[in-house]
Amino acid sequence: MSGENGKMKLEDEDPDQNTSMEPMMDGKTPPDDNESDEGGVKLERKVGLINGCGVIIGSIIGSGIFVSPTGVIMQAGSVGLSLVLWTLCGIFSTIGALCYAELGTCVVKSGGDYAYILEAFGSLPGFLCVWAYIIAIFPTVIAILSLTFANYILQPFFTECEAPKEAILFLAAICVTGLTAVNCINVKASTRVQDIFTYAKLLALAVVIAAGVAMMGKGEVESFHNSFEGTTTNVGDIALAFYAGLFAYSGWSYGNFVIEEMKDPARDLPRGIIISLPIVTVVYLLAIVSYLTVLSPGEMVASNAVAVTFSSRVLGVMAWIMPVFVGLSCVGAANANLLAGSRLFFTCARDGLLPDALAMINVKRKTPVTALLFLAALSLAMLTSNDVYSLINYFSFFSYLSIGGAVAGLLWMRKTKPDIPRPIKMPLVLPIVFVLSCMFLVVMSLVSAPGDTGIGVAILLTGVPVYFIFVYWKNKPQWFNRLVYKLTSGIQLLFECVTQEEEVKDE
C-alpha cells in the first residue's frame, strides 16, 4: 500500500540484478510455459453461464431458508402478509441485481460493491467499503456457515446430546481449509464444487416442496385459512419482517465479484441474474408454503431449525438427511463467499488499497492464492471468537448501505461519465427505487437497533486512520518500504506468484 498507484518503488533497486527466478514488484517476470503468449499471468475467464448461476444461487441459498425462516412470519403477524413480503423481497433483490448487471458490464472489474463505489466516489469510500468486508463481513459469514455446517453434519451422530465443541470447531476448520485448497487449485474446480453444492441445496428444497405438495394433497391447509388474520399494521414491524426476508436473499450481488473470470460478462451476467433470482424466489415461496402445510405459524416461530423440525414430522426414519442437506448448503454458501471475498481483496490490492502481496496470481494455477489464504486465515481466526454473531449484527445495516452506495454510484456515473460503454442500461426508475429502499432499510436499522448500529459505525470509522496512514500517505520512510518489499518478495517466491500483467479490458 505504499508508493505511487499502490506499487512500491525503492530508490536503490537495481533491475539488472534480477534473475529469471527473482520476483519483481511490477510482476514482469520472464515468461514461462505457464503463461500465455497473449495475456501473461492473469485471471482466466472460465466462468460460464451455468457456473455464474451456480455462484448466484449458491450465494443466496445458505442456511437461512432451512434453519430459521421465522423472522418474517413472526414480525408480519400472518401467513398472508409473510408470503407477500417474501415475494416483495425477491422482486427487490431482482431489481438490485439488474442494477448490478449494468454496473458489472460498464465497470468490468471484480470486487462488486467496492469496485463501483471506488469508480464513482473515489478511494476513501471504496477503502471503507472493503474495510468492513475485511473486518467482519466475509470472515464472519464464512466462519458462521462453517460452524453451522459442522453442527448439522454432526447432529445425526449425537441425537441424545449436543456435539462436542472441539469436534464442531475441528470440522469447521476442515471446511474452511478444504474449500480454500479447492479454490487455490483453479477457478474451474471451485465453480464445479459450487455447482455440486447448488444442486444439493435445490435437491434439499425439492424434498421439502415435494413433501409439502403431498401434505396439501391430503388436505393439510389449515394454516392458509384466514391467512391475513393477525396482520400487523405497525410500519416498524413490517420493515423488520422485510429485512428478515432480505437476509435470506443476501448474496445476489456475488456474481459481480467474479466478473473478470466470466467468459462473456455482457451476456452471461444479466442472463444469470434473470435466471437465478426468479428460481430462488419461486423455490423460497414453495418451501415456505410447504413448511406451513406441516407446521403451524406458532410452531414455525418456536422452531430454531424449521427444516429439521419439518423433516422429523414428515420423513420419519429418513429425517437425518435434512441436517446433512443443511450442512451441504452451508458449505456451498461458504464456498461462494470465499470465491467472492478473495476476488474483492485481490482487486483492492491491485488498486493500491491493500498490500501488493494480495494482488498476486499463482503462475501455474492462475488463481489469487495469497488473497484466498488471507481470507481463510481471517475466517479461521473468527472460529475462535465468541463475538462473531454480534459482529454480524453490528454490520447487518452495512450490507445495504454498501449496496445502496454502489447503485447510487450508478446514478452518479450516468451524470458524470455519460460516455462510458454501457452494454446494458436499466430504466432510470429501477436504480432510483432501489436506492430509496436501501436508505429506508439503513434508517430502520438505526432506529430499531441504535446500539448495535452505532458500534458498527464506530468500527467502520476505524478504517479512516488506516486509510490515511497506509494508503493516502505516499512518502513513507525508506526502512518501511524496504521491509514491505522484502516481505512481498518472500511471499512471491513462497507461493510462486506475480502481479497481474495486463490491464482488465472489456472483452
Protein backbone atom coordinates (compact mmCIF):
# COMPACT_ATOMS: atom_id res chain seq x y z
CA MET A 1 0.00 0.00 0.00
CA SER A 2 2.94 2.27 -0.42
CA GLY A 3 4.34 4.15 -3.36
CA GLU A 4 2.51 5.71 -6.27
CA ASN A 5 -0.55 3.85 -7.54
CA GLY A 6 -0.11 1.28 -4.83
CA LYS A 7 3.19 -0.02 -6.24
CA MET A 8 6.36 0.12 -4.17
CA LYS A 9 9.49 1.53 -5.75
CA LEU A 10 12.77 1.55 -3.87
CA GLU A 11 15.36 4.13 -4.79
CA ASP A 12 18.21 1.65 -4.71
CA GLU A 13 16.52 -1.07 -6.74
CA ASP A 14 18.79 -2.44 -9.42
CA PRO A 15 16.72 -4.16 -12.11
CA ASP A 16 19.89 -5.53 -13.68
CA GLN A 17 20.44 -7.72 -10.66
CA ASN A 18 17.14 -9.57 -11.12
CA THR A 19 17.46 -13.10 -12.42
CA SER A 20 14.75 -15.19 -14.01
CA MET A 21 13.90 -16.62 -10.61
CA GLU A 22 13.78 -13.33 -8.68
CA PRO A 23 10.43 -11.62 -8.16
CA MET A 24 9.89 -8.12 -9.50
CA MET A 25 7.37 -5.79 -7.92
CA ASP A 26 5.68 -4.89 -11.18
CA GLY A 27 5.03 -8.55 -11.92
CA LYS A 28 7.19 -8.53 -15.07
CA THR A 29 8.91 -11.84 -14.59
CA PRO A 30 10.21 -13.59 -17.67
CA PRO A 31 7.51 -15.66 -19.34
CA ASP A 32 7.42 -19.39 -18.88
CA ASP A 33 5.36 -22.26 -20.15
CA ASN A 34 2.58 -21.44 -17.72
CA GLU A 35 1.95 -18.02 -19.23
CA SER A 36 0.01 -17.48 -22.41
CA ASP A 37 1.73 -15.60 -25.21
CA GLU A 38 -1.04 -13.04 -25.40
CA GLY A 39 -2.18 -12.35 -21.86
CA GLY A 40 0.62 -13.32 -19.47
CA VAL A 41 -0.33 -14.15 -15.92
CA LYS A 42 -3.89 -13.05 -15.23
CA LEU A 43 -7.22 -14.37 -14.00
CA GLU A 44 -8.62 -16.81 -16.52
CA ARG A 45 -12.10 -16.47 -17.99
CA LYS A 46 -13.55 -19.89 -17.20
CA VAL A 47 -16.88 -18.96 -15.59
CA GLY A 48 -19.75 -19.64 -17.98
CA LEU A 49 -23.49 -19.01 -17.69
CA ILE A 50 -24.22 -22.18 -15.69
CA ASN A 51 -21.27 -21.53 -13.37
CA GLY A 52 -22.45 -17.93 -12.90
CA CYS A 53 -25.93 -19.14 -11.99
CA GLY A 54 -24.31 -21.57 -9.55
CA VAL A 55 -22.40 -18.74 -7.85
CA ILE A 56 -25.51 -16.54 -7.58
CA ILE A 57 -27.92 -19.27 -6.42
CA GLY A 58 -25.26 -20.83 -4.21
CA SER A 59 -24.55 -17.48 -2.58
CA ILE A 60 -28.21 -16.75 -1.90
CA ILE A 61 -29.39 -20.13 -0.64
CA GLY A 62 -27.44 -20.70 2.54
CA SER A 63 -28.66 -21.91 5.88
CA GLY A 64 -31.38 -19.28 6.26
CA ILE A 65 -34.25 -20.89 4.37
CA PHE A 66 -33.59 -24.21 6.15
CA VAL A 67 -32.69 -23.14 9.67
CA SER A 68 -34.78 -20.17 10.71
CA PRO A 69 -37.26 -18.61 8.25
CA THR A 70 -39.25 -17.42 11.25
CA GLY A 71 -38.37 -13.73 11.36
CA VAL A 72 -40.75 -12.78 8.56
CA ILE A 73 -43.84 -14.55 9.89
CA MET A 74 -43.08 -13.50 13.47
CA GLN A 75 -42.92 -9.79 12.58
CA ALA A 76 -45.64 -9.89 9.89
CA GLY A 77 -48.19 -11.49 12.21
CA SER A 78 -49.92 -13.50 9.49
CA VAL A 79 -49.24 -16.12 6.84
CA GLY A 80 -50.69 -13.97 4.06
CA LEU A 81 -48.51 -10.92 4.69
CA SER A 82 -45.43 -13.08 5.16
CA LEU A 83 -45.91 -14.63 1.70
CA VAL A 84 -46.42 -11.16 0.20
CA LEU A 85 -43.22 -9.96 1.85
CA TRP A 86 -41.24 -12.99 0.63
CA THR A 87 -42.38 -12.14 -2.90
CA LEU A 88 -41.50 -8.45 -2.50
CA CYS A 89 -38.06 -9.41 -1.17
CA GLY A 90 -37.49 -11.45 -4.33
CA ILE A 91 -38.61 -8.57 -6.56
CA PHE A 92 -36.46 -6.09 -4.63
CA SER A 93 -33.41 -8.35 -4.91
CA THR A 94 -34.03 -8.83 -8.64
CA ILE A 95 -34.16 -5.05 -9.17
CA GLY A 96 -30.89 -4.67 -7.28
CA ALA A 97 -29.29 -7.48 -9.25
CA LEU A 98 -30.36 -5.93 -12.57
CA CYS A 99 -28.80 -2.62 -11.49
CA TYR A 100 -25.65 -4.58 -10.70
CA ALA A 101 -25.77 -6.09 -14.18
CA GLU A 102 -25.42 -2.57 -15.61
CA LEU A 103 -22.64 -1.76 -13.13
CA GLY A 104 -20.83 -5.01 -13.86
CA THR A 105 -20.82 -4.51 -17.62
CA CYS A 106 -19.69 -0.86 -17.58
CA VAL A 107 -17.12 -1.29 -14.78
CA VAL A 108 -15.66 -4.67 -15.71
CA LYS A 109 -13.67 -5.29 -12.52
CA SER A 110 -14.01 -7.95 -9.86
CA GLY A 111 -14.80 -6.61 -6.41
CA GLY A 112 -18.53 -5.90 -6.52
CA ASP A 113 -19.64 -3.03 -4.27
CA TYR A 114 -16.09 -1.86 -3.69
CA ALA A 115 -15.22 -1.58 -7.39
CA TYR A 116 -18.31 0.51 -8.15
CA ILE A 117 -18.01 2.79 -5.11
CA LEU A 118 -14.32 3.34 -5.92
CA GLU A 119 -15.09 4.19 -9.55
CA ALA A 120 -17.92 6.56 -8.65
CA PHE A 121 -16.82 8.23 -5.41
CA GLY A 122 -13.07 7.72 -5.00
CA SER A 123 -10.61 5.80 -2.89
CA LEU A 124 -11.67 6.68 0.69
CA PRO A 125 -15.30 5.48 0.34
CA GLY A 126 -14.01 2.47 -1.59
CA PHE A 127 -11.50 1.65 1.14
CA LEU A 128 -14.10 1.97 3.91
CA CYS A 129 -16.30 -0.44 1.96
CA VAL A 130 -13.59 -3.08 1.75
CA TRP A 131 -12.50 -2.38 5.35
CA ALA A 132 -15.88 -3.51 6.62
CA TYR A 133 -15.69 -6.62 4.45
CA ILE A 134 -12.21 -7.40 5.84
CA ILE A 135 -13.04 -6.74 9.49
CA ALA A 136 -16.32 -8.59 9.67
CA ILE A 137 -18.42 -9.39 6.65
CA PHE A 138 -16.64 -12.15 4.71
CA PRO A 139 -14.61 -13.75 7.55
CA THR A 140 -17.55 -13.89 9.96
CA VAL A 141 -20.03 -15.14 7.35
CA ILE A 142 -17.63 -17.92 6.30
CA ALA A 143 -16.97 -18.80 9.95
CA ILE A 144 -20.66 -18.96 10.84
CA LEU A 145 -21.51 -21.03 7.75
CA SER A 146 -18.68 -23.44 8.57
CA LEU A 147 -19.81 -23.77 12.19
CA THR A 148 -23.41 -24.32 11.06
CA PHE A 149 -22.19 -26.99 8.61
CA ALA A 150 -20.29 -28.75 11.40
CA ASN A 151 -23.26 -28.59 13.77
CA TYR A 152 -25.70 -30.13 11.32
CA ILE A 153 -23.35 -32.75 9.89
CA LEU A 154 -22.64 -33.99 13.42
CA GLN A 155 -26.26 -33.83 14.54
CA PRO A 156 -27.22 -37.36 13.31
CA PHE A 157 -24.33 -38.79 15.37
CA PHE A 158 -25.30 -37.02 18.59
CA THR A 159 -29.05 -37.49 18.80
CA GLU A 160 -29.16 -37.65 22.59
CA CYS A 161 -26.83 -34.75 23.36
CA GLU A 162 -25.03 -31.82 21.80
CA ALA A 163 -21.94 -32.46 19.71
CA PRO A 164 -18.62 -31.66 21.47
CA LYS A 165 -17.44 -28.12 20.87
CA GLU A 166 -13.98 -29.35 19.88
CA ALA A 167 -15.45 -31.62 17.19
CA ILE A 168 -17.52 -28.75 15.80
CA LEU A 169 -14.52 -26.41 15.65
CA PHE A 170 -12.33 -29.10 14.08
CA LEU A 171 -14.87 -29.92 11.37
CA ALA A 172 -15.50 -26.21 10.71
CA ALA A 173 -11.74 -25.65 10.29
CA ILE A 174 -11.56 -28.59 7.87
CA CYS A 175 -14.41 -27.00 5.89
CA VAL A 176 -12.56 -23.66 5.59
CA THR A 177 -9.18 -25.18 4.72
CA GLY A 178 -10.67 -27.71 2.28
CA LEU A 179 -12.61 -25.06 0.38
CA THR A 180 -9.54 -22.83 0.31
CA ALA A 181 -7.47 -25.64 -1.18
CA VAL A 182 -10.07 -26.24 -3.90
CA ASN A 183 -10.21 -22.53 -4.73
CA CYS A 184 -6.42 -22.37 -4.93
CA ILE A 185 -6.27 -25.25 -7.43
CA ASN A 186 -8.14 -23.42 -10.19
CA VAL A 187 -11.30 -21.48 -10.88
CA LYS A 188 -12.93 -24.39 -12.68
CA ALA A 189 -12.54 -26.67 -9.65
CA SER A 190 -14.10 -24.02 -7.42
CA THR A 191 -17.07 -23.43 -9.72
CA ARG A 192 -17.61 -27.19 -10.09
CA VAL A 193 -17.76 -27.51 -6.32
CA GLN A 194 -20.16 -24.58 -6.29
CA ASP A 195 -22.36 -26.22 -8.93
CA ILE A 196 -22.46 -29.51 -6.97
CA PHE A 197 -23.49 -27.87 -3.70
CA THR A 198 -26.02 -25.69 -5.50
CA TYR A 199 -27.65 -28.85 -6.85
CA ALA A 200 -27.58 -30.30 -3.32
CA LYS A 201 -29.39 -27.23 -1.97
CA LEU A 202 -32.02 -27.38 -4.69
CA LEU A 203 -32.45 -31.12 -4.08
CA ALA A 204 -32.99 -30.48 -0.36
CA LEU A 205 -35.59 -27.85 -1.14
CA ALA A 206 -37.17 -30.21 -3.69
CA VAL A 207 -37.60 -32.77 -0.89
CA VAL A 208 -39.29 -30.13 1.27
CA ILE A 209 -41.52 -28.96 -1.59
CA ALA A 210 -42.47 -32.49 -2.67
CA ALA A 211 -43.40 -33.39 0.91
CA GLY A 212 -45.42 -30.17 1.18
CA VAL A 213 -47.32 -30.89 -2.02
CA ALA A 214 -48.10 -34.39 -0.74
CA MET A 215 -49.40 -32.95 2.52
CA MET A 216 -51.54 -30.41 0.66
CA GLY A 217 -52.94 -33.29 -1.36
CA LYS A 218 -54.06 -34.80 1.92
CA GLY A 219 -55.86 -31.58 2.79
CA GLU A 220 -53.32 -30.15 5.24
CA VAL A 221 -54.09 -26.49 4.52
CA GLU A 222 -55.27 -25.22 7.91
CA SER A 223 -52.50 -22.60 8.08
CA PHE A 224 -53.91 -20.89 4.99
CA HIS A 225 -57.43 -20.36 6.31
CA ASN A 226 -57.97 -16.66 7.10
CA SER A 227 -54.36 -16.18 6.04
CA PHE A 228 -54.30 -12.42 6.71
CA GLU A 229 -55.74 -12.71 10.20
CA GLY A 230 -53.45 -11.08 12.76
CA THR A 231 -51.60 -8.98 10.18
CA THR A 232 -49.57 -6.25 11.84
CA THR A 233 -50.23 -2.62 10.98
CA ASN A 234 -47.04 -1.37 12.61
CA VAL A 235 -44.68 0.03 9.95
CA GLY A 236 -41.64 -0.82 12.06
CA ASP A 237 -42.68 -4.49 12.35
CA ILE A 238 -43.31 -4.71 8.61
CA ALA A 239 -39.88 -3.18 7.95
CA LEU A 240 -38.22 -5.71 10.26
CA ALA A 241 -40.09 -8.55 8.55
CA PHE A 242 -38.92 -7.26 5.18
CA TYR A 243 -35.38 -7.00 6.49
CA ALA A 244 -35.52 -10.60 7.77
CA GLY A 245 -36.67 -11.78 4.34
CA LEU A 246 -33.90 -9.88 2.58
CA PHE A 247 -31.35 -11.63 4.79
CA ALA A 248 -32.36 -14.92 3.17
CA TYR A 249 -31.82 -13.34 -0.28
CA SER A 250 -28.42 -11.84 0.55
CA GLY A 251 -25.69 -12.90 -1.84
CA TRP A 252 -27.41 -11.95 -5.10
CA SER A 253 -24.58 -9.50 -5.91
CA TYR A 254 -21.80 -12.09 -5.69
CA GLY A 255 -21.83 -12.84 -9.41
CA ASN A 256 -20.25 -9.41 -9.90
CA PHE A 257 -17.29 -10.35 -7.71
CA VAL A 258 -16.07 -12.84 -10.34
CA ILE A 259 -16.95 -10.84 -13.45
CA GLU A 260 -13.34 -10.72 -14.68
CA GLU A 261 -13.42 -14.52 -14.86
CA MET A 262 -16.65 -14.72 -16.85
CA LYS A 263 -16.27 -15.81 -20.44
CA ASP A 264 -18.77 -13.23 -21.71
CA PRO A 265 -19.85 -10.92 -18.86
CA ALA A 266 -22.07 -8.67 -21.00
CA ARG A 267 -24.12 -11.72 -21.97
CA ASP A 268 -23.78 -14.12 -19.05
CA LEU A 269 -24.14 -11.77 -16.07
CA PRO A 270 -27.62 -10.39 -16.91
CA ARG A 271 -28.79 -13.79 -18.10
CA GLY A 272 -27.50 -15.39 -14.92
CA ILE A 273 -29.41 -12.83 -12.84
CA ILE A 274 -32.63 -13.20 -14.84
CA ILE A 275 -32.42 -16.99 -14.48
CA SER A 276 -31.25 -17.21 -10.87
CA LEU A 277 -33.38 -14.69 -8.97
CA PRO A 278 -36.79 -15.92 -10.20
CA ILE A 279 -35.71 -19.51 -9.46
CA VAL A 280 -34.75 -18.59 -5.90
CA THR A 281 -37.95 -16.55 -5.36
CA VAL A 282 -40.24 -19.34 -6.58
CA VAL A 283 -38.33 -22.02 -4.65
CA TYR A 284 -38.45 -19.93 -1.46
CA LEU A 285 -42.21 -19.37 -1.77
CA LEU A 286 -42.86 -23.07 -2.39
CA ALA A 287 -40.64 -24.01 0.57
CA ILE A 288 -42.45 -21.61 2.94
CA VAL A 289 -45.83 -22.93 1.78
CA SER A 290 -44.58 -26.49 2.31
CA TYR A 291 -43.41 -25.73 5.83
CA LEU A 292 -46.85 -24.33 6.62
CA THR A 293 -48.62 -27.49 5.47
CA VAL A 294 -46.94 -29.36 8.33
CA LEU A 295 -46.19 -26.69 10.93
CA SER A 296 -48.50 -24.04 12.28
CA PRO A 297 -47.27 -20.41 12.28
CA GLY A 298 -46.72 -20.71 16.03
CA GLU A 299 -44.63 -23.87 15.62
CA MET A 300 -42.54 -22.16 12.92
CA VAL A 301 -41.82 -19.25 15.24
CA ALA A 302 -40.87 -21.60 18.08
CA SER A 303 -38.52 -23.74 15.96
CA ASN A 304 -34.80 -22.99 15.79
CA ALA A 305 -34.42 -25.13 12.66
CA VAL A 306 -37.63 -25.22 10.67
CA ALA A 307 -36.39 -27.66 8.02
CA VAL A 308 -35.20 -30.14 10.67
CA THR A 309 -38.49 -29.90 12.58
CA PHE A 310 -40.34 -30.33 9.29
CA SER A 311 -38.33 -33.42 8.30
CA SER A 312 -38.82 -35.05 11.73
CA ARG A 313 -42.58 -34.80 11.19
CA VAL A 314 -42.65 -35.94 7.56
CA LEU A 315 -39.64 -38.12 6.72
CA GLY A 316 -39.64 -40.47 9.71
CA VAL A 317 -36.53 -42.64 9.80
CA MET A 318 -35.06 -40.65 6.90
CA ALA A 319 -35.26 -37.38 8.85
CA TRP A 320 -31.46 -37.45 9.22
CA ILE A 321 -30.98 -36.44 5.58
CA MET A 322 -32.23 -32.89 6.22
CA PRO A 323 -29.43 -31.93 8.66
CA VAL A 324 -26.96 -33.31 6.10
CA PHE A 325 -28.54 -31.23 3.33
CA VAL A 326 -28.48 -28.14 5.56
CA GLY A 327 -24.79 -28.76 6.20
CA LEU A 328 -24.04 -29.15 2.49
CA SER A 329 -25.99 -25.97 1.80
CA CYS A 330 -23.76 -24.12 4.24
CA VAL A 331 -20.63 -25.47 2.54
CA GLY A 332 -21.88 -24.18 -0.80
CA ALA A 333 -22.61 -20.74 0.67
CA ALA A 334 -19.19 -20.66 2.38
CA ASN A 335 -17.50 -21.55 -0.91
CA ALA A 336 -19.35 -18.74 -2.70
CA ASN A 337 -18.27 -16.27 -0.01
CA LEU A 338 -14.66 -17.47 -0.23
CA LEU A 339 -14.71 -17.15 -4.01
CA ALA A 340 -16.23 -13.65 -3.93
CA GLY A 341 -14.25 -12.37 -0.92
CA SER A 342 -10.86 -13.37 -2.30
CA ARG A 343 -11.63 -11.53 -5.56
CA LEU A 344 -12.59 -8.44 -3.58
CA PHE A 345 -9.27 -8.44 -1.68
CA PHE A 346 -7.36 -9.17 -4.91
CA THR A 347 -8.99 -6.24 -6.71
CA CYS A 348 -8.41 -3.84 -3.78
CA ALA A 349 -4.72 -4.79 -3.61
CA ARG A 350 -4.37 -4.34 -7.36
CA ASP A 351 -5.85 -0.84 -6.96
CA GLY A 352 -3.33 0.01 -4.24
CA LEU A 353 -5.70 -0.02 -1.25
CA LEU A 354 -4.34 -3.25 0.26
CA PRO A 355 -0.80 -4.68 0.29
CA ASP A 356 0.62 -5.66 -3.10
CA ALA A 357 1.07 -9.22 -1.85
CA LEU A 358 -2.70 -9.75 -2.03
CA ALA A 359 -2.75 -8.84 -5.73
CA MET A 360 -0.65 -11.86 -6.69
CA ILE A 361 -1.68 -14.67 -9.04
CA ASN A 362 -0.07 -18.09 -8.96
CA VAL A 363 1.82 -18.56 -12.24
CA LYS A 364 0.71 -22.19 -12.57
CA ARG A 365 -2.84 -22.16 -11.24
CA LYS A 366 -3.80 -18.62 -12.35
CA THR A 367 -5.69 -18.12 -9.07
CA PRO A 368 -5.35 -15.35 -6.43
CA VAL A 369 -3.69 -17.69 -3.94
CA THR A 370 -2.49 -15.02 -1.49
CA ALA A 371 -5.92 -13.36 -1.26
CA LEU A 372 -7.53 -16.76 -0.71
CA LEU A 373 -5.10 -17.68 2.06
CA PHE A 374 -5.53 -14.26 3.69
CA LEU A 375 -9.32 -14.64 3.79
CA ALA A 376 -9.01 -18.23 5.03
CA ALA A 377 -6.72 -17.10 7.87
CA LEU A 378 -9.20 -14.40 8.92
CA SER A 379 -12.06 -16.92 8.79
CA LEU A 380 -10.17 -19.45 10.89
CA ALA A 381 -9.42 -16.73 13.44
CA MET A 382 -13.13 -15.92 13.62
CA LEU A 383 -13.90 -19.55 14.52
CA THR A 384 -12.36 -18.92 17.94
CA SER A 385 -14.32 -15.73 18.61
CA ASN A 386 -17.37 -15.64 20.86
CA ASP A 387 -18.47 -12.34 19.32
CA VAL A 388 -18.92 -13.43 15.71
CA TYR A 389 -22.70 -13.18 15.84
CA SER A 390 -22.50 -9.75 17.45
CA LEU A 391 -20.23 -8.56 14.66
CA ILE A 392 -22.76 -9.76 12.11
CA ASN A 393 -25.47 -7.81 13.96
CA TYR A 394 -23.26 -4.71 14.07
CA PHE A 395 -22.68 -4.85 10.32
CA SER A 396 -26.08 -6.06 9.13
CA PHE A 397 -27.02 -2.48 8.31
CA PHE A 398 -23.79 -2.01 6.33
CA SER A 399 -24.75 -4.54 3.68
CA TYR A 400 -27.49 -2.36 2.29
CA LEU A 401 -25.53 0.82 2.98
CA SER A 402 -22.79 -0.60 0.75
CA ILE A 403 -25.11 -1.98 -1.92
CA GLY A 404 -27.19 1.20 -1.92
CA GLY A 405 -23.98 3.23 -2.27
CA ALA A 406 -22.93 1.15 -5.27
CA VAL A 407 -26.27 1.69 -7.04
CA ALA A 408 -26.13 5.39 -6.11
CA GLY A 409 -22.78 5.32 -7.89
CA LEU A 410 -24.57 4.02 -10.97
CA LEU A 411 -26.80 7.11 -10.95
CA TRP A 412 -23.82 9.38 -10.32
CA MET A 413 -21.80 7.87 -13.18
CA ARG A 414 -24.70 8.31 -15.59
CA LYS A 415 -24.31 12.03 -14.93
CA THR A 416 -20.54 12.35 -14.60
CA LYS A 417 -19.47 9.64 -17.09
CA PRO A 418 -22.22 9.52 -19.70
CA ASP A 419 -19.91 8.29 -22.47
CA ILE A 420 -18.51 5.11 -20.89
CA PRO A 421 -19.67 1.94 -22.68
CA ARG A 422 -22.88 0.51 -21.20
CA PRO A 423 -23.77 -2.80 -22.87
CA ILE A 424 -26.79 -2.91 -20.54
CA LYS A 425 -28.74 0.14 -19.39
CA MET A 426 -31.62 -0.26 -16.97
CA PRO A 427 -34.64 2.10 -16.86
CA LEU A 428 -33.80 5.03 -14.58
CA VAL A 429 -36.70 4.26 -12.24
CA LEU A 430 -35.13 0.95 -11.12
CA PRO A 431 -31.93 2.33 -9.53
CA ILE A 432 -33.86 5.26 -8.02
CA VAL A 433 -36.40 2.96 -6.35
CA PHE A 434 -33.63 0.66 -5.18
CA VAL A 435 -31.51 3.44 -3.65
CA LEU A 436 -34.51 4.92 -1.83
CA SER A 437 -35.41 1.46 -0.49
CA CYS A 438 -31.85 0.92 0.76
CA MET A 439 -31.94 4.31 2.50
CA PHE A 440 -35.15 3.23 4.23
CA LEU A 441 -33.58 -0.05 5.37
CA VAL A 442 -30.50 1.73 6.74
CA VAL A 443 -32.63 4.27 8.61
CA MET A 444 -34.76 1.47 10.07
CA SER A 445 -31.60 -0.26 11.29
CA LEU A 446 -30.55 2.92 13.06
CA VAL A 447 -33.99 3.31 14.63
CA SER A 448 -34.59 -0.33 15.63
CA ALA A 449 -31.07 -1.13 16.89
CA PRO A 450 -29.20 2.14 17.58
CA GLY A 451 -26.71 0.48 19.94
CA ASP A 452 -25.52 -2.26 17.58
CA THR A 453 -25.62 0.04 14.56
CA GLY A 454 -23.65 2.70 16.43
CA ILE A 455 -20.94 0.17 17.31
CA GLY A 456 -20.88 -0.92 13.67
CA VAL A 457 -20.38 2.66 12.50
CA ALA A 458 -17.59 3.16 15.07
CA ILE A 459 -15.78 0.01 13.91
CA LEU A 460 -16.22 1.10 10.29
CA LEU A 461 -14.69 4.52 11.01
CA THR A 462 -11.53 2.90 12.38
CA GLY A 463 -10.70 2.40 8.71
CA VAL A 464 -10.25 6.17 8.24
CA PRO A 465 -6.87 6.46 10.04
CA VAL A 466 -5.76 3.19 8.43
CA TYR A 467 -6.52 4.68 5.01
CA PHE A 468 -4.62 7.93 5.63
CA ILE A 469 -1.58 6.20 7.14
CA PHE A 470 -1.18 3.27 4.74
CA VAL A 471 -2.82 4.46 1.52
CA TYR A 472 -3.00 8.26 1.32
CA TRP A 473 0.48 8.92 2.79
CA LYS A 474 2.86 8.28 -0.10
CA ASN A 475 6.26 9.44 1.23
CA LYS A 476 6.80 6.72 3.78
CA PRO A 477 10.23 6.12 5.37
CA GLN A 478 12.65 4.06 3.30
CA TRP A 479 13.02 1.46 6.07
CA PHE A 480 9.26 0.81 5.88
CA ASN A 481 9.30 0.48 2.10
CA ARG A 482 12.27 -1.88 2.27
CA LEU A 483 10.54 -4.06 4.86
CA VAL A 484 7.35 -4.31 2.81
CA TYR A 485 9.39 -5.00 -0.32
CA LYS A 486 11.23 -7.88 1.32
CA LEU A 487 8.00 -9.36 2.71
CA THR A 488 6.29 -9.10 -0.67
CA SER A 489 9.28 -10.67 -2.45
CA GLY A 490 9.30 -13.52 0.04
CA ILE A 491 5.60 -14.14 -0.48
CA GLN A 492 6.10 -14.14 -4.25
CA LEU A 493 8.81 -16.78 -4.01
CA LEU A 494 6.94 -18.87 -1.44
CA PHE A 495 3.69 -19.06 -3.38
CA GLU A 496 5.16 -18.78 -6.92
CA CYS A 497 3.01 -15.79 -7.79
CA VAL A 498 3.30 -12.45 -9.54
CA THR A 499 1.06 -9.43 -10.06
CA GLN A 500 -1.39 -9.44 -12.95
CA GLU A 501 0.44 -8.45 -16.13
CA GLU A 502 -2.33 -6.94 -18.18
CA GLU A 503 -4.93 -4.27 -17.55
CA VAL A 504 -8.50 -5.52 -17.43
CA LYS A 505 -10.21 -4.97 -20.74
CA ASP A 506 -13.87 -5.11 -21.61
CA GLU A 507 -13.83 -8.10 -23.86
